[in-house]
Amino acid sequence: MSATTLSPQPDSQDRTPVVDVSDSPTSTPILRTMDLARRHGPAFVQRLHGQDTLFVSSLDLVTEL
């Protein structure tokens, strides 16, 4: 992974973390997403150029949803 630090948006502290990945490298998007799941938990929103995508990496959460 690159040295780029991605942090949740300030408005998401009490909700699902929102991480803007517009400026992050795209050479390894799967590895980037796996790293974000490790840092932000089993559910987070990935924002790319204003479009939000919910990622859920826990089987229990996926089953519940």
C-alpha atoms as a PDB file:
ATOM      1  CA  MET A   1       0.000   0.000   0.000  1.00  0.00           C
ATOM      2  CA  SER A   2       1.064   3.569  -0.477  1.00  0.00           C
ATOM      3  CA  ALA A   3       1.863   6.083   2.219  1.00  0.00           C
ATOM      4  CA  THR A   4      -1.403   7.927   1.526  1.00  0.00           C
ATOM      5  CA  THR A   5      -3.427   8.250   4.713  1.00  0.00           C
ATOM      6  CA  LEU A   6      -7.176   7.946   4.371  1.00  0.00           C
ATOM      7  CA  SER A   7      -9.284   9.039   7.299  1.00  0.00           C
ATOM      8  CA  PRO A   8     -13.034   9.086   7.930  1.00  0.00           C
ATOM      9  CA  GLN A   9     -14.890  12.306   7.206  1.00  0.00           C
ATOM     10  CA  PRO A  10     -15.644  14.349  10.366  1.00  0.00           C
ATOM     11  CA  ASP A  11     -19.421  14.100   9.837  1.00  0.00           C
ATOM     12  CA  SER A  12     -19.346  10.303  10.196  1.00  0.00           C
ATOM     13  CA  GLN A  13     -18.022   9.870  13.748  1.00  0.00           C
ATOM     14  CA  ASP A  14     -21.316   8.473  15.122  1.00  0.00           C
ATOM     15  CA  ARG A  15     -22.266   6.562  11.982  1.00  0.00           C
ATOM     16  CA  THR A  16     -20.678   4.281   9.432  1.00  0.00           C
ATOM     17  CA  PRO A  17     -17.213   5.687   8.572  1.00  0.00           C
ATOM     18  CA  VAL A  18     -17.052   7.534   5.231  1.00  0.00           C
ATOM     19  CA  VAL A  19     -13.642   7.376   3.543  1.00  0.00           C
ATOM     20  CA  ASP A  20     -12.941   9.510   0.450  1.00  0.00           C
ATOM     21  CA  VAL A  21     -10.653   7.559  -1.878  1.00  0.00           C
ATOM     22  CA  SER A  22     -10.638  10.057  -4.770  1.00  0.00           C
ATOM     23  CA  ASP A  23      -6.971  10.950  -4.236  1.00  0.00           C
ATOM     24  CA  SER A  24      -5.705   7.473  -3.394  1.00  0.00           C
ATOM     25  CA  PRO A  25      -3.807   5.302  -5.882  1.00  0.00           C
ATOM     26  CA  THR A  26      -5.924   2.917  -7.951  1.00  0.00           C
ATOM     27  CA  SER A  27      -3.259   0.376  -8.861  1.00  0.00           C
ATOM     28  CA  THR A  28      -4.499  -2.068  -6.188  1.00  0.00           C
ATOM     29  CA  PRO A  29      -8.151  -1.256  -5.391  1.00  0.00           C
ATOM     30  CA  ILE A  30      -8.900  -4.618  -3.742  1.00  0.00           C
ATOM     31  CA  LEU A  31      -5.914  -4.326  -1.388  1.00  0.00           C
ATOM     32  CA  ARG A  32      -6.868  -0.714  -0.608  1.00  0.00           C
ATOM     33  CA  THR A  33     -10.409  -1.795   0.286  1.00  0.00           C
ATOM     34  CA  MET A  34      -9.136  -4.658   2.460  1.00  0.00           C
ATOM     35  CA  ASP A  35      -6.847  -2.227   4.296  1.00  0.00           C
ATOM     36  CA  LEU A  36      -9.746   0.186   4.850  1.00  0.00           C
ATOM     37  CA  ALA A  37     -11.840  -2.659   6.305  1.00  0.00           C
ATOM     38  CA  ARG A  38      -9.027  -3.499   8.733  1.00  0.00           C
ATOM     39  CA  ARG A  39      -8.726   0.142   9.836  1.00  0.00           C
ATOM     40  CA  HIS A  40     -12.396   1.207   9.901  1.00  0.00           C
ATOM     41  CA  GLY A  41     -14.227  -1.976  10.807  1.00  0.00           C
ATOM     42  CA  PRO A  42     -16.510  -4.415   9.014  1.00  0.00           C
ATOM     43  CA  ALA A  43     -18.749  -1.717   7.496  1.00  0.00           C
ATOM     44  CA  PHE A  44     -17.684   1.564   5.902  1.00  0.00           C
ATOM     45  CA  VAL A  45     -18.649   3.835   3.024  1.00  0.00           C
ATOM     46  CA  GLN A  46     -16.103   4.426   0.292  1.00  0.00           C
ATOM     47  CA  ARG A  47     -16.614   7.790  -1.460  1.00  0.00           C
ATOM     48  CA  LEU A  48     -15.190   8.202  -4.954  1.00  0.00           C
ATOM     49  CA  HIS A  49     -15.817  11.527  -6.708  1.00  0.00           C
ATOM     50  CA  GLY A  50     -19.049  12.092  -4.777  1.00  0.00           C
ATOM     51  CA  GLN A  51     -20.458   8.588  -5.265  1.00  0.00           C
ATOM     52  CA  ASP A  52     -20.826   6.532  -2.076  1.00  0.00           C
ATOM     53  CA  THR A  53     -20.569   2.739  -1.926  1.00  0.00           C
ATOM     54  CA  LEU A  54     -21.238   0.740   1.241  1.00  0.00           C
ATOM     55  CA  PHE A  55     -18.714  -2.046   1.877  1.00  0.00           C
ATOM     56  CA  VAL A  56     -19.521  -4.807   4.373  1.00  0.00           C
ATOM     57  CA  SER A  57     -16.803  -7.353   5.125  1.00  0.00           C
ATOM     58  CA  SER A  58     -18.440  -9.377   7.895  1.00  0.00           C
ATOM     59  CA  LEU A  59     -20.536 -12.434   7.004  1.00  0.00           C
ATOM     60  CA  ASP A  60     -22.754 -11.805  10.044  1.00  0.00           C
ATOM     61  CA  LEU A  61     -23.468  -8.227   8.925  1.00  0.00           C
ATOM     62  CA  VAL A  62     -24.086  -9.294   5.335  1.00  0.00           C
ATOM     63  CA  THR A  63     -26.546 -11.925   6.550  1.00  0.00           C
ATOM     64  CA  GLU A  64     -28.283  -9.359   8.757  1.00  0.00           C
ATOM     65  CA  LEU A  65     -28.545  -6.814   5.943  1.00  0.00           C
END
